[in-house]
Amino acid sequence: MNHFDHMGIWVRTAIVMASLVLLSSGVQATEFDMTRLPVMSPNLCLACHDVATPTAGNAVLNLFGADFLANGKLWDSNLAQQDSDNDGCLNGVEVGDSDGDGNPDGNVTEQAGNPGVFDDCGSGSLVDEKTWGTLKAMFDAD
């Protein structure tokens, strides 16, 4: 082998290594992107993907994931006011941040629905326990 053949092997090896780093960092980027939502639980990856544990081979985006990507992977008031899955419930309500300011509404700790799946705004409670207790106390006859 001459000098150029050895150099070609090194270049190909470097390209393969760089590709592996980029592919593995793509999975990390997905985890980072998920943290941009103010409330991630219980949907986690399913908020944006069709599968619960996306990999490079099956990381298909759902309707909300496509809108999130088109919005520059940013959670903001624009994305909060959309209804990505056309279930009649705005993304912000389903995610738990109705105004899209990046902070959960009130005492919200879980997404009320999945913004990427048609599900009639989810089955989550629309009123948290503290608010429910306050409302109930208003009507108690004590």
N, C-alpha and C. Protein backbone atom coordinates (compact mmCIF):
# COMPACT_ATOMS: atom_id res chain seq x y z
N MET A 1 0.83 -1.17 0.00
CA MET A 1 0.00 0.00 0.00
C MET A 1 0.88 1.24 0.00
N ASN A 2 0.44 2.22 -0.76
CA ASN A 2 1.19 3.46 -0.76
C ASN A 2 0.61 4.42 0.26
N HIS A 3 1.21 5.56 0.36
CA HIS A 3 0.82 6.58 1.33
C HIS A 3 -0.64 7.01 1.15
N PHE A 4 -1.10 7.13 -0.09
CA PHE A 4 -2.46 7.58 -0.36
C PHE A 4 -3.50 6.54 0.05
N ASP A 5 -3.17 5.24 -0.08
CA ASP A 5 -4.09 4.20 0.34
C ASP A 5 -4.30 4.24 1.85
N HIS A 6 -3.20 4.43 2.60
CA HIS A 6 -3.31 4.53 4.07
C HIS A 6 -4.15 5.76 4.46
N MET A 7 -3.94 6.82 3.74
CA MET A 7 -4.68 8.04 4.02
C MET A 7 -6.16 7.84 3.73
N GLY A 8 -6.49 7.11 2.67
CA GLY A 8 -7.88 6.82 2.33
C GLY A 8 -8.57 6.01 3.41
N ILE A 9 -7.87 5.06 3.99
CA ILE A 9 -8.43 4.25 5.07
C ILE A 9 -8.73 5.13 6.27
N TRP A 10 -7.83 6.03 6.60
CA TRP A 10 -8.04 6.93 7.73
C TRP A 10 -9.22 7.86 7.48
N VAL A 11 -9.33 8.35 6.26
CA VAL A 11 -10.44 9.26 5.93
C VAL A 11 -11.77 8.51 6.04
N ARG A 12 -11.83 7.30 5.49
CA ARG A 12 -13.07 6.52 5.57
C ARG A 12 -13.42 6.20 7.03
N THR A 13 -12.40 5.84 7.81
CA THR A 13 -12.62 5.55 9.22
C THR A 13 -13.15 6.79 9.94
N ALA A 14 -12.58 7.94 9.65
CA ALA A 14 -13.03 9.19 10.27
C ALA A 14 -14.47 9.50 9.88
N ILE A 15 -14.83 9.26 8.64
CA ILE A 15 -16.20 9.52 8.18
C ILE A 15 -17.18 8.59 8.90
N VAL A 16 -16.84 7.33 9.02
CA VAL A 16 -17.70 6.37 9.71
C VAL A 16 -17.86 6.77 11.17
N MET A 17 -16.77 7.13 11.82
CA MET A 17 -16.83 7.53 13.23
C MET A 17 -17.69 8.79 13.41
N ALA A 18 -17.51 9.76 12.53
CA ALA A 18 -18.30 11.00 12.61
C ALA A 18 -19.78 10.69 12.41
N SER A 19 -20.09 9.77 11.51
CA SER A 19 -21.48 9.39 11.27
C SER A 19 -22.09 8.74 12.51
N LEU A 20 -21.33 7.88 13.15
CA LEU A 20 -21.81 7.23 14.37
C LEU A 20 -22.06 8.25 15.48
N VAL A 21 -21.18 9.21 15.61
CA VAL A 21 -21.35 10.26 16.62
C VAL A 21 -22.61 11.06 16.32
N LEU A 22 -22.82 11.41 15.05
CA LEU A 22 -24.01 12.18 14.69
C LEU A 22 -25.28 11.39 14.94
N LEU A 23 -25.27 10.12 14.62
CA LEU A 23 -26.46 9.29 14.85
C LEU A 23 -26.75 9.16 16.34
N SER A 24 -25.72 8.94 17.14
CA SER A 24 -25.95 8.80 18.57
C SER A 24 -26.35 10.13 19.20
N SER A 25 -25.85 11.23 18.67
CA SER A 25 -26.23 12.52 19.23
C SER A 25 -27.66 12.87 18.84
N GLY A 26 -28.18 12.28 17.77
CA GLY A 26 -29.56 12.51 17.39
C GLY A 26 -30.52 12.01 18.45
N VAL A 27 -30.21 10.88 19.07
CA VAL A 27 -31.04 10.35 20.14
C VAL A 27 -30.98 11.29 21.34
N GLN A 28 -29.79 11.78 21.68
CA GLN A 28 -29.64 12.73 22.77
C GLN A 28 -30.43 14.00 22.48
N ALA A 29 -30.40 14.46 21.23
CA ALA A 29 -31.12 15.68 20.87
C ALA A 29 -32.62 15.49 21.10
N THR A 30 -33.14 14.30 20.82
CA THR A 30 -34.55 14.03 21.05
C THR A 30 -34.88 14.16 22.53
N GLU A 31 -34.05 13.61 23.39
CA GLU A 31 -34.27 13.73 24.83
C GLU A 31 -34.20 15.19 25.26
N PHE A 32 -33.26 15.95 24.71
CA PHE A 32 -33.15 17.37 25.02
C PHE A 32 -34.39 18.12 24.53
N ASP A 33 -34.81 17.82 23.31
CA ASP A 33 -35.99 18.50 22.76
C ASP A 33 -37.22 18.24 23.61
N MET A 34 -37.35 17.04 24.15
CA MET A 34 -38.49 16.70 24.98
C MET A 34 -38.53 17.59 26.22
N THR A 35 -37.38 17.96 26.75
CA THR A 35 -37.34 18.80 27.95
C THR A 35 -37.77 20.23 27.66
N ARG A 36 -37.94 20.58 26.40
CA ARG A 36 -38.40 21.93 26.05
C ARG A 36 -39.89 22.11 26.33
N LEU A 37 -40.62 21.01 26.46
CA LEU A 37 -42.04 21.09 26.80
C LEU A 37 -42.16 21.35 28.30
N PRO A 38 -43.07 22.21 28.74
CA PRO A 38 -43.18 22.52 30.16
C PRO A 38 -43.62 21.34 31.01
N VAL A 39 -44.44 20.45 30.45
CA VAL A 39 -44.88 19.25 31.15
C VAL A 39 -44.66 18.08 30.19
N MET A 40 -43.92 17.07 30.62
CA MET A 40 -43.57 15.96 29.73
C MET A 40 -44.32 14.67 30.05
N SER A 41 -44.73 14.50 31.28
CA SER A 41 -45.34 13.26 31.72
C SER A 41 -46.86 13.31 31.49
N PRO A 42 -47.52 12.26 31.20
CA PRO A 42 -47.06 10.89 31.10
C PRO A 42 -46.65 10.48 29.69
N ASN A 43 -46.83 11.36 28.70
CA ASN A 43 -46.62 10.95 27.31
C ASN A 43 -45.16 10.81 26.91
N LEU A 44 -44.29 11.62 27.48
CA LEU A 44 -42.86 11.59 27.17
C LEU A 44 -42.64 11.60 25.66
N CYS A 45 -41.96 10.61 25.12
CA CYS A 45 -41.65 10.57 23.68
C CYS A 45 -42.90 10.50 22.81
N LEU A 46 -43.97 9.91 23.35
CA LEU A 46 -45.20 9.76 22.57
C LEU A 46 -45.89 11.09 22.27
N ALA A 47 -45.48 12.17 22.93
CA ALA A 47 -46.03 13.47 22.60
C ALA A 47 -45.68 13.86 21.17
N CYS A 48 -44.49 13.44 20.71
CA CYS A 48 -44.02 13.81 19.36
C CYS A 48 -43.87 12.62 18.40
N HIS A 49 -43.73 11.42 18.95
CA HIS A 49 -43.45 10.25 18.11
C HIS A 49 -44.58 9.23 18.15
N ASP A 50 -44.56 8.34 17.18
CA ASP A 50 -45.57 7.27 17.09
C ASP A 50 -45.24 6.07 17.97
N VAL A 51 -44.03 6.04 18.53
CA VAL A 51 -43.62 4.93 19.39
C VAL A 51 -43.06 5.50 20.70
N ALA A 52 -43.15 4.72 21.76
CA ALA A 52 -42.73 5.18 23.08
C ALA A 52 -41.22 5.32 23.23
N THR A 53 -40.47 4.49 22.52
CA THR A 53 -39.00 4.55 22.60
C THR A 53 -38.44 4.65 21.18
N PRO A 54 -38.44 5.86 20.63
CA PRO A 54 -37.97 6.03 19.25
C PRO A 54 -36.47 5.78 19.10
N THR A 55 -36.13 5.17 17.99
CA THR A 55 -34.73 4.98 17.61
C THR A 55 -34.56 5.57 16.22
N ALA A 56 -33.35 5.56 15.74
CA ALA A 56 -33.11 6.12 14.41
C ALA A 56 -33.96 5.43 13.34
N GLY A 57 -34.30 4.17 13.54
CA GLY A 57 -35.06 3.42 12.55
C GLY A 57 -36.57 3.58 12.65
N ASN A 58 -37.07 4.05 13.80
CA ASN A 58 -38.53 4.13 13.95
C ASN A 58 -38.99 5.45 14.59
N ALA A 59 -38.26 6.51 14.38
CA ALA A 59 -38.55 7.80 15.04
C ALA A 59 -39.53 8.64 14.24
N VAL A 60 -40.61 8.03 13.74
CA VAL A 60 -41.62 8.74 12.96
C VAL A 60 -42.32 9.75 13.86
N LEU A 61 -42.47 10.97 13.37
CA LEU A 61 -43.15 12.01 14.13
C LEU A 61 -44.66 11.92 13.93
N ASN A 62 -45.41 12.19 14.99
CA ASN A 62 -46.86 12.32 14.86
C ASN A 62 -47.16 13.76 14.45
N LEU A 63 -48.43 14.14 14.43
CA LEU A 63 -48.82 15.47 13.95
C LEU A 63 -48.24 16.59 14.82
N PHE A 64 -48.25 16.43 16.13
CA PHE A 64 -47.66 17.44 17.01
C PHE A 64 -46.15 17.50 16.82
N GLY A 65 -45.52 16.35 16.71
CA GLY A 65 -44.07 16.31 16.50
C GLY A 65 -43.67 17.05 15.23
N ALA A 66 -44.47 16.88 14.17
CA ALA A 66 -44.20 17.58 12.91
C ALA A 66 -44.37 19.09 13.09
N ASP A 67 -45.41 19.51 13.84
CA ASP A 67 -45.60 20.94 14.10
C ASP A 67 -44.49 21.50 14.98
N PHE A 68 -44.06 20.72 15.97
CA PHE A 68 -42.96 21.12 16.86
C PHE A 68 -41.68 21.32 16.05
N LEU A 69 -41.41 20.39 15.15
CA LEU A 69 -40.23 20.51 14.28
C LEU A 69 -40.35 21.73 13.37
N ALA A 70 -41.52 21.92 12.77
CA ALA A 70 -41.73 23.07 11.88
C ALA A 70 -41.63 24.40 12.63
N ASN A 71 -41.87 24.37 13.94
CA ASN A 71 -41.77 25.58 14.77
C ASN A 71 -40.36 25.77 15.31
N GLY A 72 -39.39 25.08 14.73
CA GLY A 72 -38.00 25.22 15.15
C GLY A 72 -37.67 24.51 16.44
N LYS A 73 -38.45 23.47 16.79
CA LYS A 73 -38.29 22.71 18.03
C LYS A 73 -38.41 23.63 19.26
N LEU A 74 -39.32 24.59 19.15
CA LEU A 74 -39.55 25.52 20.24
C LEU A 74 -40.99 25.40 20.73
N TRP A 75 -41.15 25.40 22.05
CA TRP A 75 -42.46 25.48 22.64
C TRP A 75 -42.73 26.95 22.88
N ASP A 76 -43.79 27.48 22.29
CA ASP A 76 -44.14 28.89 22.46
C ASP A 76 -45.64 29.07 22.29
N SER A 77 -46.11 30.32 22.38
CA SER A 77 -47.54 30.59 22.29
C SER A 77 -48.12 30.20 20.94
N ASN A 78 -47.31 30.29 19.89
CA ASN A 78 -47.76 29.89 18.56
C ASN A 78 -48.14 28.41 18.54
N LEU A 79 -47.28 27.57 19.05
CA LEU A 79 -47.54 26.13 19.07
C LEU A 79 -48.64 25.79 20.08
N ALA A 80 -48.70 26.52 21.19
CA ALA A 80 -49.73 26.27 22.20
C ALA A 80 -51.13 26.55 21.65
N GLN A 81 -51.25 27.49 20.73
CA GLN A 81 -52.57 27.87 20.18
C GLN A 81 -53.01 26.99 19.01
N GLN A 82 -52.17 26.05 18.60
CA GLN A 82 -52.54 25.14 17.52
C GLN A 82 -53.23 23.90 18.09
N ASP A 83 -53.97 23.23 17.24
CA ASP A 83 -54.59 21.95 17.57
C ASP A 83 -54.03 20.93 16.58
N SER A 84 -52.82 20.47 16.84
CA SER A 84 -52.10 19.62 15.90
C SER A 84 -52.85 18.36 15.51
N ASP A 85 -53.49 17.71 16.49
CA ASP A 85 -54.15 16.43 16.22
C ASP A 85 -55.64 16.58 15.89
N ASN A 86 -56.12 17.82 15.78
CA ASN A 86 -57.50 18.10 15.38
C ASN A 86 -58.55 17.41 16.26
N ASP A 87 -58.28 17.37 17.57
CA ASP A 87 -59.25 16.76 18.47
C ASP A 87 -60.11 17.80 19.20
N GLY A 88 -59.97 19.06 18.78
CA GLY A 88 -60.76 20.12 19.40
C GLY A 88 -60.14 20.70 20.65
N CYS A 89 -58.94 20.29 20.98
CA CYS A 89 -58.26 20.77 22.18
C CYS A 89 -56.90 21.34 21.77
N LEU A 90 -56.64 22.56 22.17
CA LEU A 90 -55.38 23.20 21.80
C LEU A 90 -54.19 22.48 22.41
N ASN A 91 -53.07 22.51 21.70
CA ASN A 91 -51.85 21.87 22.20
C ASN A 91 -51.50 22.33 23.60
N GLY A 92 -51.64 23.63 23.86
CA GLY A 92 -51.29 24.17 25.17
C GLY A 92 -52.10 23.57 26.29
N VAL A 93 -53.37 23.33 26.05
CA VAL A 93 -54.23 22.71 27.07
C VAL A 93 -53.79 21.27 27.30
N GLU A 94 -53.51 20.55 26.22
CA GLU A 94 -53.11 19.15 26.36
C GLU A 94 -51.74 19.02 27.03
N VAL A 95 -50.83 19.93 26.72
CA VAL A 95 -49.48 19.88 27.29
C VAL A 95 -49.48 20.40 28.73
N GLY A 96 -50.41 21.28 29.08
CA GLY A 96 -50.47 21.81 30.43
C GLY A 96 -49.91 23.21 30.56
N ASP A 97 -49.76 23.90 29.43
CA ASP A 97 -49.27 25.28 29.39
C ASP A 97 -50.09 26.02 28.34
N SER A 98 -51.29 26.45 28.71
CA SER A 98 -52.23 26.97 27.74
C SER A 98 -51.77 28.24 27.04
N ASP A 99 -50.95 29.06 27.69
CA ASP A 99 -50.49 30.29 27.03
C ASP A 99 -49.14 30.14 26.35
N GLY A 100 -48.50 29.00 26.51
CA GLY A 100 -47.24 28.75 25.81
C GLY A 100 -46.06 29.54 26.32
N ASP A 101 -46.11 29.96 27.59
CA ASP A 101 -45.01 30.75 28.15
C ASP A 101 -43.87 29.88 28.69
N GLY A 102 -44.04 28.57 28.62
CA GLY A 102 -43.00 27.66 29.09
C GLY A 102 -43.17 27.23 30.53
N ASN A 103 -44.19 27.74 31.20
CA ASN A 103 -44.46 27.38 32.59
C ASN A 103 -45.80 26.65 32.67
N PRO A 104 -45.85 25.53 33.42
CA PRO A 104 -47.11 24.81 33.55
C PRO A 104 -48.20 25.70 34.16
N ASP A 105 -49.44 25.47 33.74
CA ASP A 105 -50.58 26.20 34.29
C ASP A 105 -50.84 25.76 35.73
N GLY A 106 -50.98 26.72 36.64
CA GLY A 106 -51.34 26.42 38.03
C GLY A 106 -50.52 25.32 38.64
N ASN A 107 -51.18 24.28 39.12
CA ASN A 107 -50.50 23.15 39.76
C ASN A 107 -50.42 21.94 38.82
N VAL A 108 -50.45 22.17 37.53
CA VAL A 108 -50.41 21.08 36.56
C VAL A 108 -49.06 20.37 36.63
N THR A 109 -49.11 19.05 36.75
CA THR A 109 -47.89 18.24 36.78
C THR A 109 -47.88 17.18 35.69
N GLU A 110 -49.04 16.98 35.04
CA GLU A 110 -49.13 15.99 33.96
C GLU A 110 -49.89 16.56 32.79
N GLN A 111 -49.55 16.09 31.60
CA GLN A 111 -50.29 16.49 30.42
C GLN A 111 -51.71 15.97 30.51
N ALA A 112 -52.68 16.81 30.12
CA ALA A 112 -54.08 16.40 30.16
C ALA A 112 -54.42 15.46 29.01
N GLY A 113 -53.67 15.53 27.94
CA GLY A 113 -53.89 14.69 26.78
C GLY A 113 -52.59 14.58 26.00
N ASN A 114 -52.67 13.97 24.86
CA ASN A 114 -51.50 13.87 23.99
C ASN A 114 -51.73 14.78 22.80
N PRO A 115 -50.92 15.83 22.64
CA PRO A 115 -51.13 16.78 21.56
C PRO A 115 -50.90 16.20 20.17
N GLY A 116 -50.37 15.00 20.09
CA GLY A 116 -50.10 14.39 18.80
C GLY A 116 -51.04 13.26 18.44
N VAL A 117 -52.01 12.97 19.30
CA VAL A 117 -52.94 11.86 19.07
C VAL A 117 -54.36 12.35 19.30
N PHE A 118 -55.22 12.11 18.33
CA PHE A 118 -56.62 12.49 18.45
C PHE A 118 -57.22 11.74 19.63
N ASP A 119 -57.52 12.46 20.72
CA ASP A 119 -58.02 11.78 21.91
C ASP A 119 -58.97 12.63 22.74
N ASP A 120 -59.70 13.53 22.10
CA ASP A 120 -60.68 14.37 22.81
C ASP A 120 -60.10 15.05 24.04
N CYS A 121 -58.93 15.57 23.91
CA CYS A 121 -58.24 16.31 24.98
C CYS A 121 -57.77 15.43 26.11
N GLY A 122 -57.76 14.16 25.93
CA GLY A 122 -57.23 13.26 26.94
C GLY A 122 -58.22 12.96 28.03
N SER A 123 -57.78 12.14 28.95
CA SER A 123 -58.64 11.75 30.06
C SER A 123 -58.15 12.35 31.36
N GLY A 124 -57.15 13.22 31.29
CA GLY A 124 -56.63 13.82 32.51
C GLY A 124 -57.63 14.77 33.14
N SER A 125 -57.46 15.00 34.40
CA SER A 125 -58.34 15.89 35.14
C SER A 125 -58.14 17.33 34.69
N LEU A 126 -59.21 18.05 34.46
CA LEU A 126 -59.12 19.45 34.08
C LEU A 126 -58.96 20.34 35.30
N VAL A 127 -59.20 19.81 36.49
CA VAL A 127 -59.08 20.57 37.73
C VAL A 127 -58.13 19.82 38.65
N ASP A 128 -57.09 20.51 39.15
CA ASP A 128 -56.16 19.84 40.06
C ASP A 128 -56.80 19.67 41.44
N GLU A 129 -56.16 18.87 42.30
CA GLU A 129 -56.74 18.54 43.60
C GLU A 129 -56.96 19.77 44.47
N LYS A 130 -56.01 20.70 44.48
CA LYS A 130 -56.14 21.90 45.31
C LYS A 130 -57.35 22.73 44.86
N THR A 131 -57.48 22.93 43.56
CA THR A 131 -58.60 23.70 43.05
C THR A 131 -59.92 22.99 43.34
N TRP A 132 -59.94 21.66 43.16
CA TRP A 132 -61.15 20.90 43.43
C TRP A 132 -61.56 21.05 44.89
N GLY A 133 -60.59 21.00 45.79
CA GLY A 133 -60.89 21.16 47.22
C GLY A 133 -61.48 22.53 47.51
N THR A 134 -60.96 23.56 46.87
CA THR A 134 -61.47 24.92 47.05
C THR A 134 -62.90 25.02 46.53
N LEU A 135 -63.14 24.47 45.34
CA LEU A 135 -64.49 24.50 44.77
C LEU A 135 -65.48 23.74 45.65
N LYS A 136 -65.07 22.58 46.12
CA LYS A 136 -65.93 21.76 46.95
C LYS A 136 -66.28 22.49 48.25
N ALA A 137 -65.29 23.15 48.84
CA ALA A 137 -65.50 23.88 50.09
C ALA A 137 -66.51 25.01 49.92
N MET A 138 -66.59 25.59 48.74
CA MET A 138 -67.52 26.68 48.48
C MET A 138 -68.97 26.20 48.56
N PHE A 139 -69.19 24.93 48.27
CA PHE A 139 -70.54 24.40 48.23
C PHE A 139 -70.90 23.52 49.43
N ASP A 140 -69.98 23.33 50.35
CA ASP A 140 -70.26 22.56 51.54
C ASP A 140 -71.23 23.32 52.43
N ALA A 141 -72.16 22.61 53.04
CA ALA A 141 -73.19 23.24 53.88
C ALA A 141 -72.73 23.44 55.31
N ASP A 142 -71.51 23.13 55.63
CA ASP A 142 -71.03 23.23 57.02
C ASP A 142 -71.13 24.59 57.54
